[in-house]
Protein backbone atom coordinates (compact mmCIF):
# COMPACT_ATOMS: atom_id res chain seq x y z
CA MET A 1 29.56 56.15 -44.85
CA TYR A 2 32.39 55.96 -42.61
CA LEU A 3 34.20 53.21 -41.26
CA PHE A 4 36.05 53.81 -38.09
CA ASP A 5 39.57 52.32 -37.20
CA THR A 6 40.56 51.26 -33.92
CA ASP A 7 42.20 54.66 -33.23
CA THR A 8 39.36 56.14 -33.99
CA LEU A 9 37.01 54.18 -31.90
CA SER A 10 39.65 54.29 -28.78
CA ASN A 11 39.88 58.25 -29.33
CA ILE A 12 36.05 58.57 -28.09
CA VAL A 13 36.48 56.78 -25.14
CA LYS A 14 39.43 58.70 -23.82
CA ARG A 15 39.35 60.62 -20.96
CA ARG A 16 40.08 63.35 -23.44
CA PRO A 17 38.81 62.66 -26.08
CA SER A 18 38.99 64.91 -29.51
CA GLU A 19 36.40 67.72 -29.70
CA HIS A 20 36.83 67.74 -33.36
CA LEU A 21 35.86 64.03 -33.63
CA LEU A 22 33.24 64.48 -31.24
CA PHE A 23 31.78 67.38 -33.00
CA ARG A 24 32.17 65.67 -36.30
CA LEU A 25 30.41 62.36 -34.78
CA ARG A 26 27.27 64.71 -33.28
CA ASP A 27 25.73 65.32 -36.67
CA LEU A 28 26.96 62.12 -38.43
CA PRO A 29 23.39 59.73 -38.64
CA MET A 30 24.36 56.62 -36.76
CA SER A 31 23.41 54.83 -40.13
CA LEU A 32 26.78 56.28 -41.69
CA GLN A 33 28.89 54.95 -39.20
CA TYR A 34 30.78 51.49 -39.35
CA THR A 35 33.09 49.68 -37.88
CA THR A 36 34.45 45.85 -38.31
CA SER A 37 34.81 42.76 -36.44
CA ILE A 38 38.59 42.79 -36.84
CA ASN A 39 38.55 46.42 -34.92
CA ILE A 40 36.59 44.80 -31.92
CA GLY A 41 39.16 41.96 -31.57
CA GLU A 42 41.98 45.14 -31.49
CA ILE A 43 40.33 46.93 -29.08
CA TYR A 44 39.35 43.65 -26.73
CA TYR A 45 43.29 43.02 -26.82
CA GLY A 46 44.43 46.02 -25.75
CA ALA A 47 42.43 46.51 -23.26
CA CYS A 48 42.81 42.81 -22.10
CA ARG A 49 46.44 44.19 -22.07
CA THR A 50 45.78 46.63 -19.43
CA GLN A 51 44.66 46.59 -15.72
CA ARG A 52 41.70 48.18 -16.24
CA SER A 53 39.90 45.85 -18.78
CA ASP A 54 36.85 45.46 -17.61
CA LYS A 55 36.25 49.92 -17.07
CA ILE A 56 37.61 50.01 -20.96
CA ILE A 57 35.55 47.49 -22.32
CA LYS A 58 32.64 48.74 -20.17
CA ALA A 59 32.87 52.06 -21.82
CA PHE A 60 33.17 50.67 -25.36
CA GLU A 61 30.23 48.51 -25.09
CA ILE A 62 28.09 51.54 -23.24
CA HIS A 63 29.17 54.49 -25.50
CA VAL A 64 30.54 52.92 -28.42
CA PHE A 65 29.05 49.57 -29.96
CA PRO A 66 25.67 50.07 -29.74
CA ASN A 67 26.20 53.07 -31.72
CA ILE A 68 27.82 51.72 -34.79
CA THR A 69 27.39 48.90 -37.19
CA ILE A 70 29.53 46.15 -36.80
CA LEU A 71 30.81 44.53 -40.25
CA PRO A 72 32.12 41.11 -40.22
CA PHE A 73 35.01 39.77 -42.45
CA ASP A 74 33.23 37.18 -44.92
CA LYS A 75 33.27 35.66 -48.18
CA ASN A 76 33.43 38.91 -50.55
CA SER A 77 35.65 40.53 -48.08
CA GLY A 78 38.01 37.44 -47.90
CA LYS A 79 38.21 38.11 -51.89
CA ALA A 80 38.82 42.05 -51.89
CA PHE A 81 41.10 41.21 -49.49
CA GLY A 82 43.22 38.63 -51.86
CA ARG A 83 43.20 41.18 -54.14
CA LEU A 84 44.03 44.18 -52.28
CA LYS A 85 47.12 42.01 -50.81
CA ALA A 86 48.39 40.87 -53.86
CA SER A 87 48.28 44.29 -55.85
CA LEU A 88 50.17 45.62 -53.08
CA GLU A 89 52.63 43.06 -52.74
CA LYS A 90 53.44 43.51 -56.33
CA GLN A 91 54.16 47.02 -55.63
CA GLY A 92 56.45 46.34 -53.32
CA ILE A 93 54.12 47.84 -50.05
CA GLY A 94 53.69 45.84 -46.68
CA CYS A 95 50.50 46.14 -44.29
CA SER A 96 49.72 44.46 -41.62
CA GLU A 97 47.10 41.50 -41.88
CA PRO A 98 44.50 43.23 -39.76
CA ASP A 99 44.85 46.84 -41.26
CA LEU A 100 44.32 44.68 -45.06
CA ARG A 101 41.51 43.34 -43.77
CA ILE A 102 39.63 46.32 -42.50
CA ALA A 103 40.90 48.02 -45.44
CA ALA A 104 39.17 44.86 -47.58
CA ILE A 105 35.53 45.61 -45.62
CA ALA A 106 35.96 49.25 -46.38
CA ILE A 107 36.64 48.51 -50.20
CA GLN A 108 33.66 45.70 -50.25
CA HIS A 109 30.96 48.41 -48.76
CA ASP A 110 32.38 51.13 -50.46
CA LEU A 111 32.71 53.18 -47.33
CA ILE A 112 35.86 55.54 -46.10
CA LEU A 113 38.10 54.28 -43.87
CA ILE A 114 38.64 57.12 -40.95
CA THR A 115 42.22 56.61 -39.00
CA ARG A 116 44.89 58.52 -37.72
């Protein structure tokens, strides 16, 4: 099962999406495709910063969101997040809060995170 990061989802709606990515997704059952509410927020944020926000959001709402399971950041995600952040800090590794939340959801659900 796969959790798609924002950059992977964004690639799907580009004018010239990655043919390799589209080829791989074509044979991957929808039941194995996930993203998070955090990624949805990043997509809306990015779209709302452009002059074509309505068009971009519509493309996601028609072509992407209906075809993927969207996981929330919940209590168990919060636990995984806290453990992950503490572990990384002990190792001197920094990471953005949204990326850590996305990773925590992937860990919680035992998903492979697909990102650039």
